C-alpha atoms as a PDB file:
ATOM      1  CA  MET A   1      -4.055  17.648  33.180  1.00  0.00           C
ATOM      2  CA  LYS A   2      -4.735  16.782  29.556  1.00  0.00           C
ATOM      3  CA  LYS A   3      -7.285  13.984  29.115  1.00  0.00           C
ATOM      4  CA  SER A   4      -5.168  11.378  27.313  1.00  0.00           C
ATOM      5  CA  LEU A   5      -2.329  11.591  29.811  1.00  0.00           C
ATOM      6  CA  ALA A   6      -4.731  11.713  32.749  1.00  0.00           C
ATOM      7  CA  ILE A   7      -6.053   8.293  31.712  1.00  0.00           C
ATOM      8  CA  VAL A   8      -2.547   6.846  31.701  1.00  0.00           C
ATOM      9  CA  ILE A   9      -1.728   8.261  35.110  1.00  0.00           C
ATOM     10  CA  ALA A  10      -5.020   7.120  36.637  1.00  0.00           C
ATOM     11  CA  ALA A  11      -4.467   3.596  35.326  1.00  0.00           C
ATOM     12  CA  SER A  12      -0.906   3.584  36.626  1.00  0.00           C
ATOM     13  CA  LEU A  13      -1.937   4.771  40.086  1.00  0.00           C
ATOM     14  CA  ALA A  14      -4.598   2.068  40.211  1.00  0.00           C
ATOM     15  CA  ALA A  15      -2.006  -0.512  39.204  1.00  0.00           C
ATOM     16  CA  LEU A  16       0.382   0.761  41.857  1.00  0.00           C
ATOM     17  CA  ALA A  17      -2.289   0.418  44.517  1.00  0.00           C
ATOM     18  CA  ALA A  18      -3.097  -3.124  43.406  1.00  0.00           C
ATOM     19  CA  CYS A  19       0.402  -4.508  43.065  1.00  0.00           C
ATOM     20  CA  GLY A  20       1.841  -6.819  45.644  1.00  0.00           C
ATOM     21  CA  SER A  21       5.303  -7.007  47.133  1.00  0.00           C
ATOM     22  CA  GLY A  22       6.400  -9.606  44.561  1.00  0.00           C
ATOM     23  CA  SER A  23       9.029 -12.279  44.972  1.00  0.00           C
ATOM     24  CA  GLU A  24      11.742 -11.135  42.597  1.00  0.00           C
ATOM     25  CA  SER A  25      15.263 -12.351  43.096  1.00  0.00           C
ATOM     26  CA  SER A  26      18.580 -10.611  42.515  1.00  0.00           C
ATOM     27  CA  GLU A  27      19.986 -13.883  41.190  1.00  0.00           C
ATOM     28  CA  GLY A  28      21.448 -13.342  37.760  1.00  0.00           C
ATOM     29  CA  PRO A  29      20.236 -15.058  34.578  1.00  0.00           C
ATOM     30  CA  SER A  30      22.273 -17.734  32.825  1.00  0.00           C
ATOM     31  CA  SER A  31      21.990 -20.039  29.821  1.00  0.00           C
ATOM     32  CA  SER A  32      21.497 -23.011  32.131  1.00  0.00           C
ATOM     33  CA  LYS A  33      18.855 -21.249  34.211  1.00  0.00           C
ATOM     34  CA  PRO A  34      17.097 -18.644  32.029  1.00  0.00           C
ATOM     35  CA  VAL A  35      14.928 -16.025  33.680  1.00  0.00           C
ATOM     36  CA  LYS A  36      11.415 -15.609  32.299  1.00  0.00           C
ATOM     37  CA  ILE A  37      10.402 -12.004  31.639  1.00  0.00           C
ATOM     38  CA  THR A  38       7.371 -10.394  30.043  1.00  0.00           C
ATOM     39  CA  VAL A  39       7.858  -7.313  27.878  1.00  0.00           C
ATOM     40  CA  ALA A  40       4.856  -5.056  27.187  1.00  0.00           C
ATOM     41  CA  ASN A  41       5.394  -4.023  23.589  1.00  0.00           C
ATOM     42  CA  LEU A  42       3.703  -1.384  21.456  1.00  0.00           C
ATOM     43  CA  ALA A  43       3.212  -2.513  17.851  1.00  0.00           C
ATOM     44  CA  VAL A  44       5.263   0.185  16.101  1.00  0.00           C
ATOM     45  CA  THR A  45       8.442   0.143  14.033  1.00  0.00           C
ATOM     46  CA  ASN A  46      10.309   1.798  16.920  1.00  0.00           C
ATOM     47  CA  SER A  47      10.163  -1.439  18.909  1.00  0.00           C
ATOM     48  CA  ALA A  48      11.390  -3.674  16.085  1.00  0.00           C
ATOM     49  CA  GLY A  49      14.922  -3.816  17.473  1.00  0.00           C
ATOM     50  CA  LEU A  50      13.793  -5.808  20.484  1.00  0.00           C
ATOM     51  CA  VAL A  51      11.441  -8.053  18.502  1.00  0.00           C
ATOM     52  CA  LEU A  52      14.230  -8.853  16.040  1.00  0.00           C
ATOM     53  CA  GLY A  53      16.711  -9.380  18.867  1.00  0.00           C
ATOM     54  CA  VAL A  54      14.452 -11.935  20.516  1.00  0.00           C
ATOM     55  CA  GLU A  55      14.213 -13.845  17.221  1.00  0.00           C
ATOM     56  CA  LYS A  56      17.984 -13.712  16.702  1.00  0.00           C
ATOM     57  CA  GLY A  57      18.609 -15.172  20.169  1.00  0.00           C
ATOM     58  CA  PHE A  58      20.334 -12.152  21.704  1.00  0.00           C
ATOM     59  CA  PHE A  59      18.153 -12.315  24.817  1.00  0.00           C
ATOM     60  CA  THR A  60      18.611 -16.072  25.129  1.00  0.00           C
ATOM     61  CA  ASP A  61      22.364 -15.444  25.047  1.00  0.00           C
ATOM     62  CA  GLU A  62      21.894 -13.245  28.126  1.00  0.00           C
ATOM     63  CA  GLY A  63      19.901 -15.925  29.942  1.00  0.00           C
ATOM     64  CA  LEU A  64      16.517 -14.309  29.339  1.00  0.00           C
ATOM     65  CA  SER A  65      13.391 -16.099  28.154  1.00  0.00           C
ATOM     66  CA  VAL A  66      11.199 -13.338  26.721  1.00  0.00           C
ATOM     67  CA  THR A  67       7.444 -13.257  26.274  1.00  0.00           C
ATOM     68  CA  ILE A  68       6.403 -10.267  24.162  1.00  0.00           C
ATOM     69  CA  LYS A  69       2.933  -9.004  25.040  1.00  0.00           C
ATOM     70  CA  ASP A  70       1.181  -6.703  22.579  1.00  0.00           C
ATOM     71  CA  THR A  71       0.007  -3.779  24.731  1.00  0.00           C
ATOM     72  CA  PRO A  72      -1.877  -0.530  23.978  1.00  0.00           C
ATOM     73  CA  ALA A  73       0.097   2.677  24.528  1.00  0.00           C
ATOM     74  CA  ALA A  74      -2.030   3.710  27.511  1.00  0.00           C
ATOM     75  CA  SER A  75      -1.292   0.410  29.272  1.00  0.00           C
ATOM     76  CA  THR A  76       2.482   0.068  28.929  1.00  0.00           C
ATOM     77  CA  VAL A  77       3.369   2.211  31.959  1.00  0.00           C
ATOM     78  CA  PRO A  78       0.675   0.613  34.169  1.00  0.00           C
ATOM     79  CA  SER A  79       1.924  -2.839  33.142  1.00  0.00           C
ATOM     80  CA  VAL A  80       5.294  -2.420  34.872  1.00  0.00           C
ATOM     81  CA  VAL A  81       3.795  -0.606  37.859  1.00  0.00           C
ATOM     82  CA  SER A  82       1.398  -3.500  38.464  1.00  0.00           C
ATOM     83  CA  GLY A  83       3.962  -6.208  37.754  1.00  0.00           C
ATOM     84  CA  ASP A  84       2.066  -7.607  34.755  1.00  0.00           C
ATOM     85  CA  ALA A  85       5.262  -7.008  32.786  1.00  0.00           C
ATOM     86  CA  GLN A  86       8.851  -6.587  33.894  1.00  0.00           C
ATOM     87  CA  PHE A  87       9.768  -4.248  31.044  1.00  0.00           C
ATOM     88  CA  ALA A  88       7.687  -2.048  28.739  1.00  0.00           C
ATOM     89  CA  PHE A  89       7.931   0.274  25.759  1.00  0.00           C
ATOM     90  CA  THR A  90       7.090   3.969  26.071  1.00  0.00           C
ATOM     91  CA  GLY A  91       8.234   7.443  25.026  1.00  0.00           C
ATOM     92  CA  ILE A  92      10.237  10.073  26.895  1.00  0.00           C
ATOM     93  CA  PRO A  93       7.153  12.331  27.470  1.00  0.00           C
ATOM     94  CA  PRO A  94       5.061   9.594  29.168  1.00  0.00           C
ATOM     95  CA  LEU A  95       8.054   8.753  31.368  1.00  0.00           C
ATOM     96  CA  ILE A  96       8.417  12.409  32.378  1.00  0.00           C
ATOM     97  CA  ASN A  97       4.701  12.720  33.012  1.00  0.00           C
ATOM     98  CA  ALA A  98       4.592   9.543  35.083  1.00  0.00           C
ATOM     99  CA  ARG A  99       7.548  10.538  37.264  1.00  0.00           C
ATOM    100  CA  SER A 100       6.152  14.042  37.738  1.00  0.00           C
ATOM    101  CA  ASN A 101       3.126  12.290  39.239  1.00  0.00           C
ATOM    102  CA  ALA A 102       5.352  10.219  41.556  1.00  0.00           C
ATOM    103  CA  LEU A 103       5.024   6.943  39.653  1.00  0.00           C
ATOM    104  CA  PRO A 104       8.152   4.865  40.429  1.00  0.00           C
ATOM    105  CA  ILE A 105       9.421   3.951  36.964  1.00  0.00           C
ATOM    106  CA  LYS A 106      12.711   4.487  35.164  1.00  0.00           C
ATOM    107  CA  ALA A 107      14.151   4.023  31.695  1.00  0.00           C
ATOM    108  CA  VAL A 108      16.456   1.009  31.525  1.00  0.00           C
ATOM    109  CA  ALA A 109      17.386   0.841  27.828  1.00  0.00           C
ATOM    110  CA  PRO A 110      17.026   2.849  24.606  1.00  0.00           C
ATOM    111  CA  ALA A 111      14.657   1.849  21.823  1.00  0.00           C
ATOM    112  CA  ALA A 112      14.821   4.330  18.937  1.00  0.00           C
ATOM    113  CA  GLY A 113      14.824   7.914  17.763  1.00  0.00           C
ATOM    114  CA  TYR A 114      14.318   9.931  14.604  1.00  0.00           C
ATOM    115  CA  PRO A 115      16.995   9.079  12.003  1.00  0.00           C
ATOM    116  CA  GLU A 116      19.979  11.294  11.373  1.00  0.00           C
ATOM    117  CA  ASP A 117      18.788  11.707   7.779  1.00  0.00           C
ATOM    118  CA  LEU A 118      15.471  13.448   8.419  1.00  0.00           C
ATOM    119  CA  SER A 119      14.398  12.983   4.820  1.00  0.00           C
ATOM    120  CA  THR A 120      13.733   9.365   5.834  1.00  0.00           C
ATOM    121  CA  SER A 121      12.004  10.182   9.134  1.00  0.00           C
ATOM    122  CA  GLN A 122       9.266   7.698  10.014  1.00  0.00           C
ATOM    123  CA  ILE A 123       6.793  10.291  11.385  1.00  0.00           C
ATOM    124  CA  ARG A 124       6.062  13.290   9.179  1.00  0.00           C
ATOM    125  CA  LEU A 125       3.640  16.127   8.662  1.00  0.00           C
ATOM    126  CA  ILE A 126       1.652  15.621   5.442  1.00  0.00           C
ATOM    127  CA  ALA A 127      -0.706  17.929   3.523  1.00  0.00           C
ATOM    128  CA  GLN A 128      -3.295  17.049   0.889  1.00  0.00           C
ATOM    129  CA  LYS A 129      -2.024  16.358  -2.623  1.00  0.00           C
ATOM    130  CA  GLY A 130      -2.665  19.362  -4.842  1.00  0.00           C
ATOM    131  CA  GLY A 131      -3.944  21.414  -1.903  1.00  0.00           C
ATOM    132  CA  ASP A 132      -3.205  24.971  -0.847  1.00  0.00           C
ATOM    133  CA  ILE A 133      -0.700  23.987   1.881  1.00  0.00           C
ATOM    134  CA  THR A 134       2.764  23.513   0.419  1.00  0.00           C
ATOM    135  CA  ASP A 135       4.946  24.897   3.210  1.00  0.00           C
ATOM    136  CA  VAL A 136       4.869  24.852   7.033  1.00  0.00           C
ATOM    137  CA  THR A 137       4.795  28.648   7.124  1.00  0.00           C
ATOM    138  CA  GLN A 138       1.214  28.438   5.850  1.00  0.00           C
ATOM    139  CA  LEU A 139      -0.016  26.399   8.828  1.00  0.00           C
ATOM    140  CA  GLU A 140      -0.739  29.168  11.339  1.00  0.00           C
ATOM    141  CA  GLY A 141      -4.506  29.419  11.714  1.00  0.00           C
ATOM    142  CA  LYS A 142      -4.949  25.911  10.320  1.00  0.00           C
ATOM    143  CA  LYS A 143      -5.912  22.524  11.798  1.00  0.00           C
ATOM    144  CA  ILE A 144      -3.494  19.596  12.169  1.00  0.00           C
ATOM    145  CA  ALA A 145      -4.417  15.978  12.947  1.00  0.00           C
ATOM    146  CA  VAL A 146      -2.352  14.119  15.554  1.00  0.00           C
ATOM    147  CA  ASP A 147      -2.911  10.598  16.808  1.00  0.00           C
ATOM    148  CA  THR A 148      -3.023  11.560  20.504  1.00  0.00           C
ATOM    149  CA  LEU A 149      -2.748  15.008  22.060  1.00  0.00           C
ATOM    150  CA  TYR A 150       0.357  15.749  24.158  1.00  0.00           C
ATOM    151  CA  GLN A 151       2.019  12.431  23.467  1.00  0.00           C
ATOM    152  CA  LEU A 152       5.347  11.928  21.674  1.00  0.00           C
ATOM    153  CA  PRO A 153       4.369  12.664  18.032  1.00  0.00           C
ATOM    154  CA  HIS A 154       2.253  15.707  18.964  1.00  0.00           C
ATOM    155  CA  LEU A 155       4.931  17.228  21.192  1.00  0.00           C
ATOM    156  CA  SER A 156       7.616  16.438  18.625  1.00  0.00           C
ATOM    157  CA  ILE A 157       5.788  18.167  15.782  1.00  0.00           C
ATOM    158  CA  ILE A 158       5.292  21.194  18.027  1.00  0.00           C
ATOM    159  CA  GLN A 159       9.068  21.320  18.568  1.00  0.00           C
ATOM    160  CA  ALA A 160       9.684  20.794  14.841  1.00  0.00           C
ATOM    161  CA  LEU A 161       7.326  23.637  13.917  1.00  0.00           C
ATOM    162  CA  LYS A 162       9.015  25.928  16.432  1.00  0.00           C
ATOM    163  CA  SER A 163      12.387  25.156  14.847  1.00  0.00           C
ATOM    164  CA  LYS A 164      10.978  26.457  11.551  1.00  0.00           C
ATOM    165  CA  GLY A 165       9.683  29.684  13.077  1.00  0.00           C
ATOM    166  CA  VAL A 166       6.033  28.593  13.165  1.00  0.00           C
ATOM    167  CA  ASP A 167       3.981  29.465  16.261  1.00  0.00           C
ATOM    168  CA  PRO A 168       2.189  26.253  17.357  1.00  0.00           C
ATOM    169  CA  THR A 169      -0.174  28.212  19.608  1.00  0.00           C
ATOM    170  CA  LYS A 170      -1.731  29.598  16.426  1.00  0.00           C
ATOM    171  CA  ILE A 171      -2.514  26.076  15.185  1.00  0.00           C
ATOM    172  CA  THR A 172      -5.436  23.878  16.225  1.00  0.00           C
ATOM    173  CA  PHE A 173      -4.404  20.285  16.936  1.00  0.00           C
ATOM    174  CA  THR A 174      -7.110  17.633  16.865  1.00  0.00           C
ATOM    175  CA  GLU A 175      -7.034  13.903  17.607  1.00  0.00           C
ATOM    176  CA  VAL A 176      -7.536  11.666  14.565  1.00  0.00           C
ATOM    177  CA  PRO A 177      -6.524   7.953  14.526  1.00  0.00           C
ATOM    178  CA  TYR A 178      -3.769   7.167  12.034  1.00  0.00           C
ATOM    179  CA  PRO A 179      -6.054   5.011   9.816  1.00  0.00           C
ATOM    180  CA  SER A 180      -8.463   7.952   9.423  1.00  0.00           C
ATOM    181  CA  MET A 181      -5.936  10.689   8.675  1.00  0.00           C
ATOM    182  CA  THR A 182      -5.885  10.370   4.879  1.00  0.00           C
ATOM    183  CA  GLU A 183      -9.678  10.602   4.761  1.00  0.00           C
ATOM    184  CA  ALA A 184      -9.599  13.603   7.120  1.00  0.00           C
ATOM    185  CA  LEU A 185      -7.201  15.329   4.729  1.00  0.00           C
ATOM    186  CA  ALA A 186      -9.268  14.490   1.653  1.00  0.00           C
ATOM    187  CA  SER A 187     -12.503  15.734   3.251  1.00  0.00           C
ATOM    188  CA  GLY A 188     -10.941  18.976   4.436  1.00  0.00           C
ATOM    189  CA  LYS A 189     -11.562  18.219   8.116  1.00  0.00           C
ATOM    190  CA  VAL A 190      -7.887  18.961   8.696  1.00  0.00           C
ATOM    191  CA  ASP A 191      -5.294  20.913   6.730  1.00  0.00           C
ATOM    192  CA  ALA A 192      -2.374  18.623   7.577  1.00  0.00           C
ATOM    193  CA  ALA A 193      -1.802  15.327   9.370  1.00  0.00           C
ATOM    194  CA  ASP A 194       1.119  14.077  11.461  1.00  0.00           C
ATOM    195  CA  MET A 195       1.360  10.540  10.117  1.00  0.00           C
ATOM    196  CA  GLY A 196       3.266   7.356  10.876  1.00  0.00           C
ATOM    197  CA  ASP A 197       3.556   4.061   9.032  1.00  0.00           C
ATOM    198  CA  PRO A 198       2.036   2.101   7.427  1.00  0.00           C
ATOM    199  CA  PHE A 199      -0.217   5.050   6.555  1.00  0.00           C
ATOM    200  CA  LEU A 200       2.640   7.503   6.011  1.00  0.00           C
ATOM    201  CA  SER A 201       4.302   5.424   3.281  1.00  0.00           C
ATOM    202  CA  GLN A 202       0.954   4.989   1.546  1.00  0.00           C
ATOM    203  CA  ALA A 203       0.296   8.740   1.674  1.00  0.00           C
ATOM    204  CA  LEU A 204       3.723   9.570   0.283  1.00  0.00           C
ATOM    205  CA  ALA A 205       3.344   6.967  -2.483  1.00  0.00           C
ATOM    206  CA  ALA A 206       0.000   8.572  -3.390  1.00  0.00           C
ATOM    207  CA  GLY A 207       1.728  11.915  -3.867  1.00  0.00           C
ATOM    208  CA  HIS A 208       0.537  13.827  -0.808  1.00  0.00           C
ATOM    209  CA  THR A 209       2.686  16.806   0.154  1.00  0.00           C
ATOM    210  CA  ASP A 210       5.562  16.124   2.554  1.00  0.00           C
ATOM    211  CA  LEU A 211       5.878  19.195   4.790  1.00  0.00           C
ATOM    212  CA  LEU A 212       8.111  18.393   7.741  1.00  0.00           C
ATOM    213  CA  SER A 213       9.850  15.645   9.725  1.00  0.00           C
ATOM    214  CA  ASN A 214       8.987  15.292  13.404  1.00  0.00           C
ATOM    215  CA  GLY A 215      12.718  15.076  14.027  1.00  0.00           C
ATOM    216  CA  GLU A 216      13.384  18.737  13.175  1.00  0.00           C
ATOM    217  CA  GLY A 217      14.523  20.728  16.182  1.00  0.00           C
ATOM    218  CA  PHE A 218      16.168  17.763  17.924  1.00  0.00           C
ATOM    219  CA  ASP A 219      19.774  16.605  18.044  1.00  0.00           C
ATOM    220  CA  PRO A 220      20.473  13.980  15.354  1.00  0.00           C
ATOM    221  CA  ALA A 221      19.259  10.498  16.381  1.00  0.00           C
ATOM    222  CA  ALA A 222      18.187  11.719  19.829  1.00  0.00           C
ATOM    223  CA  THR A 223      16.450   8.939  21.767  1.00  0.00           C
ATOM    224  CA  GLN A 224      12.679   9.342  21.695  1.00  0.00           C
ATOM    225  CA  VAL A 225      11.377   5.990  22.915  1.00  0.00           C
ATOM    226  CA  ILE A 226      12.736   3.709  25.606  1.00  0.00           C
ATOM    227  CA  TRP A 227      12.255   0.524  27.579  1.00  0.00           C
ATOM    228  CA  ILE A 228      11.180   1.041  31.186  1.00  0.00           C
ATOM    229  CA  ALA A 229      10.860  -0.929  34.425  1.00  0.00           C
ATOM    230  CA  SER A 230       9.570  -0.171  37.897  1.00  0.00           C
ATOM    231  CA  GLU A 231      12.046   1.147  40.453  1.00  0.00           C
ATOM    232  CA  SER A 232      11.181  -1.815  42.686  1.00  0.00           C
ATOM    233  CA  TYR A 233      12.019  -4.351  39.988  1.00  0.00           C
ATOM    234  CA  ILE A 234      15.259  -2.520  39.120  1.00  0.00           C
ATOM    235  CA  ALA A 235      16.357  -2.504  42.770  1.00  0.00           C
ATOM    236  CA  LYS A 236      15.567  -6.196  43.337  1.00  0.00           C
ATOM    237  CA  ASN A 237      16.885  -7.493  40.016  1.00  0.00           C
ATOM    238  CA  PRO A 238      19.965  -5.494  38.977  1.00  0.00           C
ATOM    239  CA  LYS A 239      21.590  -8.412  37.114  1.00  0.00           C
ATOM    240  CA  ILE A 240      18.445  -9.100  35.100  1.00  0.00           C
ATOM    241  CA  VAL A 241      18.091  -5.423  34.223  1.00  0.00           C
ATOM    242  CA  LYS A 242      21.710  -5.251  33.082  1.00  0.00           C
ATOM    243  CA  ALA A 243      21.272  -8.417  30.998  1.00  0.00           C
ATOM    244  CA  PHE A 244      18.141  -6.916  29.430  1.00  0.00           C
ATOM    245  CA  ARG A 245      20.001  -3.700  28.627  1.00  0.00           C
ATOM    246  CA  ARG A 246      22.905  -5.577  27.029  1.00  0.00           C
ATOM    247  CA  ALA A 247      20.522  -7.608  24.889  1.00  0.00           C
ATOM    248  CA  VAL A 248      18.622  -4.487  23.791  1.00  0.00           C
ATOM    249  CA  VAL A 249      21.810  -2.663  22.809  1.00  0.00           C
ATOM    250  CA  LYS A 250      23.016  -5.678  20.813  1.00  0.00           C
ATOM    251  CA  SER A 251      19.581  -5.983  19.195  1.00  0.00           C
ATOM    252  CA  ASN A 252      19.463  -2.304  18.242  1.00  0.00           C
ATOM    253  CA  LYS A 253      22.943  -2.418  16.745  1.00  0.00           C
ATOM    254  CA  TYR A 254      21.887  -5.388  14.661  1.00  0.00           C
ATOM    255  CA  ALA A 255      18.607  -3.762  13.603  1.00  0.00           C
ATOM    256  CA  GLN A 256      20.345  -0.567  12.558  1.00  0.00           C
ATOM    257  CA  ALA A 257      22.841  -2.528  10.463  1.00  0.00           C
ATOM    258  CA  ASN A 258      20.224  -4.828   8.916  1.00  0.00           C
ATOM    259  CA  PRO A 259      17.153  -2.807   7.852  1.00  0.00           C
ATOM    260  CA  ASP A 260      16.002  -5.553   5.456  1.00  0.00           C
ATOM    261  CA  GLU A 261      15.629  -7.941   8.383  1.00  0.00           C
ATOM    262  CA  VAL A 262      13.686  -5.288  10.285  1.00  0.00           C
ATOM    263  CA  ARG A 263      11.292  -4.933   7.360  1.00  0.00           C
ATOM    264  CA  LYS A 264      10.777  -8.697   7.299  1.00  0.00           C
ATOM    265  CA  ILE A 265       9.920  -8.955  10.990  1.00  0.00           C
ATOM    266  CA  VAL A 266       7.674  -5.879  11.334  1.00  0.00           C
ATOM    267  CA  PRO A 267       4.623  -7.568   9.705  1.00  0.00           C
ATOM    268  CA  SER A 268       4.837 -10.352  12.318  1.00  0.00           C
ATOM    269  CA  TYR A 269       3.568  -8.002  15.025  1.00  0.00           C
ATOM    270  CA  MET A 270       2.394  -4.806  13.302  1.00  0.00           C
ATOM    271  CA  GLU A 271      -0.902  -5.072  11.427  1.00  0.00           C
ATOM    272  CA  GLY A 272      -1.268  -3.552   7.983  1.00  0.00           C
ATOM    273  CA  THR A 273       2.431  -3.612   7.116  1.00  0.00           C
ATOM    274  CA  ASP A 274       2.673  -6.862   5.164  1.00  0.00           C
ATOM    275  CA  LYS A 275       2.039  -5.205   1.786  1.00  0.00           C
ATOM    276  CA  VAL A 276       4.174  -2.118   2.434  1.00  0.00           C
ATOM    277  CA  ALA A 277       7.015  -3.597   4.486  1.00  0.00           C
ATOM    278  CA  ASP A 278       9.547  -2.844   1.755  1.00  0.00           C
ATOM    279  CA  LYS A 279       8.528   0.817   1.728  1.00  0.00           C
ATOM    280  CA  ILE A 280       8.003   1.705   5.399  1.00  0.00           C
ATOM    281  CA  LEU A 281      10.349   4.274   6.866  1.00  0.00           C
ATOM    282  CA  LEU A 282      12.450   3.167   9.818  1.00  0.00           C
ATOM    283  CA  PRO A 283      13.741   4.986  12.896  1.00  0.00           C
ATOM    284  CA  GLN A 284      17.290   5.110  14.192  1.00  0.00           C
ATOM    285  CA  TYR A 285      17.732   2.185  16.579  1.00  0.00           C
ATOM    286  CA  THR A 286      19.802   3.790  19.299  1.00  0.00           C
ATOM    287  CA  THR A 287      22.231   2.314  21.830  1.00  0.00           C
ATOM    288  CA  THR A 288      22.277   5.099  24.429  1.00  0.00           C
ATOM    289  CA  ILE A 289      19.665   7.310  26.079  1.00  0.00           C
ATOM    290  CA  ASP A 290      20.228  10.973  25.254  1.00  0.00           C
ATOM    291  CA  GLN A 291      19.875  13.098  28.391  1.00  0.00           C
ATOM    292  CA  LYS A 292      19.462  16.367  26.450  1.00  0.00           C
ATOM    293  CA  VAL A 293      16.104  15.353  25.017  1.00  0.00           C
ATOM    294  CA  PHE A 294      14.582  15.332  28.505  1.00  0.00           C
ATOM    295  CA  SER A 295      14.981  19.109  28.752  1.00  0.00           C
ATOM    296  CA  VAL A 296      13.190  19.618  25.411  1.00  0.00           C
ATOM    297  CA  TYR A 297      10.164  17.576  26.459  1.00  0.00           C
ATOM    298  CA  ASN A 298      10.219  18.978  30.001  1.00  0.00           C
ATOM    299  CA  ASP A 299       9.877  22.471  28.538  1.00  0.00           C
ATOM    300  CA  LEU A 300       7.050  21.447  26.203  1.00  0.00           C
ATOM    301  CA  LEU A 301       5.110  19.577  28.889  1.00  0.00           C
ATOM    302  CA  THR A 302       5.317  22.485  31.340  1.00  0.00           C
ATOM    303  CA  GLU A 303       4.593  25.082  28.626  1.00  0.00           C
ATOM    304  CA  PHE A 304       1.325  23.363  27.767  1.00  0.00           C
ATOM    305  CA  LYS A 305       0.581  22.679  31.454  1.00  0.00           C
ATOM    306  CA  VAL A 306       0.562  18.913  31.068  1.00  0.00           C
ATOM    307  CA  THR A 307       2.989  18.625  33.990  1.00  0.00           C
ATOM    308  CA  LYS A 308       3.624  20.988  36.860  1.00  0.00           C
ATOM    309  CA  LYS A 309       7.293  20.234  37.388  1.00  0.00           C
ATOM    310  CA  SER A 310      10.313  19.116  35.399  1.00  0.00           C
ATOM    311  CA  VAL A 311      11.931  15.708  35.752  1.00  0.00           C
ATOM    312  CA  ASP A 312      15.688  15.228  36.053  1.00  0.00           C
ATOM    313  CA  GLY A 313      16.821  13.101  33.125  1.00  0.00           C
ATOM    314  CA  LYS A 314      19.646  11.525  35.134  1.00  0.00           C
ATOM    315  CA  GLU A 315      17.273  10.429  37.880  1.00  0.00           C
ATOM    316  CA  ALA A 316      14.800   9.059  35.319  1.00  0.00           C
ATOM    317  CA  VAL A 317      17.325   6.648  33.811  1.00  0.00           C
ATOM    318  CA  ALA A 318      18.538   3.576  35.710  1.00  0.00           C
ATOM    319  CA  GLN A 319      22.296   3.601  36.209  1.00  0.00           C
ATOM    320  CA  GLU A 320      24.289   1.074  34.227  1.00  0.00           C
END
């Protein structure tokens, strides 16, 4: 198993072993008796729909009192397994990987995907300004920086490159944190970098070469990131889960229709965006979970031997 995903799985298994039976109730939430929930959130633009929805009162309307907990990517899955959070943010690949390792979690609501207009995609492959790389067809034999190997952006850019006829097995992918990618490009340590905001907008504004959207090769607005819960919590609290899903869908609809409000709220939880909030690129805030995208990531994860077996998309999503 690849190192970065192995850490997530090990932490999740440890959390599963440590968690207790809990005392959840199937009693439904209401405005007179709100249910307190903790949501493990990753500080990215993809989760802005929920953050905005909490501020607008959409979760309160559903009888939910939400505490948003800033959580590193490697800890979001373990947080719901252990019971530290009732709901958490993650991508389709980590969900597939977790379930392939028998971790009892499911997607309960959509978060976001790449936009239908890929020219505005919020994660993109960038080359050095004035450099030799001006087209993706020149990348075979080169080195590309990704934030984390075999996670959502890395797997997505592999799929995007394939859609353009580029063989990703002839490319070296190396882990570089987003804040260090521009420097890695300038120093020649990498030939291209798969960047997200706020660093992407800064790179584009500086004139670096825009090569490719991570959304190429996927159906338009296909769901990429989701909100998850443990199977135990879903089974014991169906009314709460349904209320959470309704609030998320309402929040995402609002976020998609009001991008200016999204840009205003992002700096409240995402560091480094206050000065570029008006320029950051936004995802498509989706209202359904696309089942087709599971097959794409299943194929990629098995091709690169990250997982040994595929995961059924229908079984990985909690029924409405």
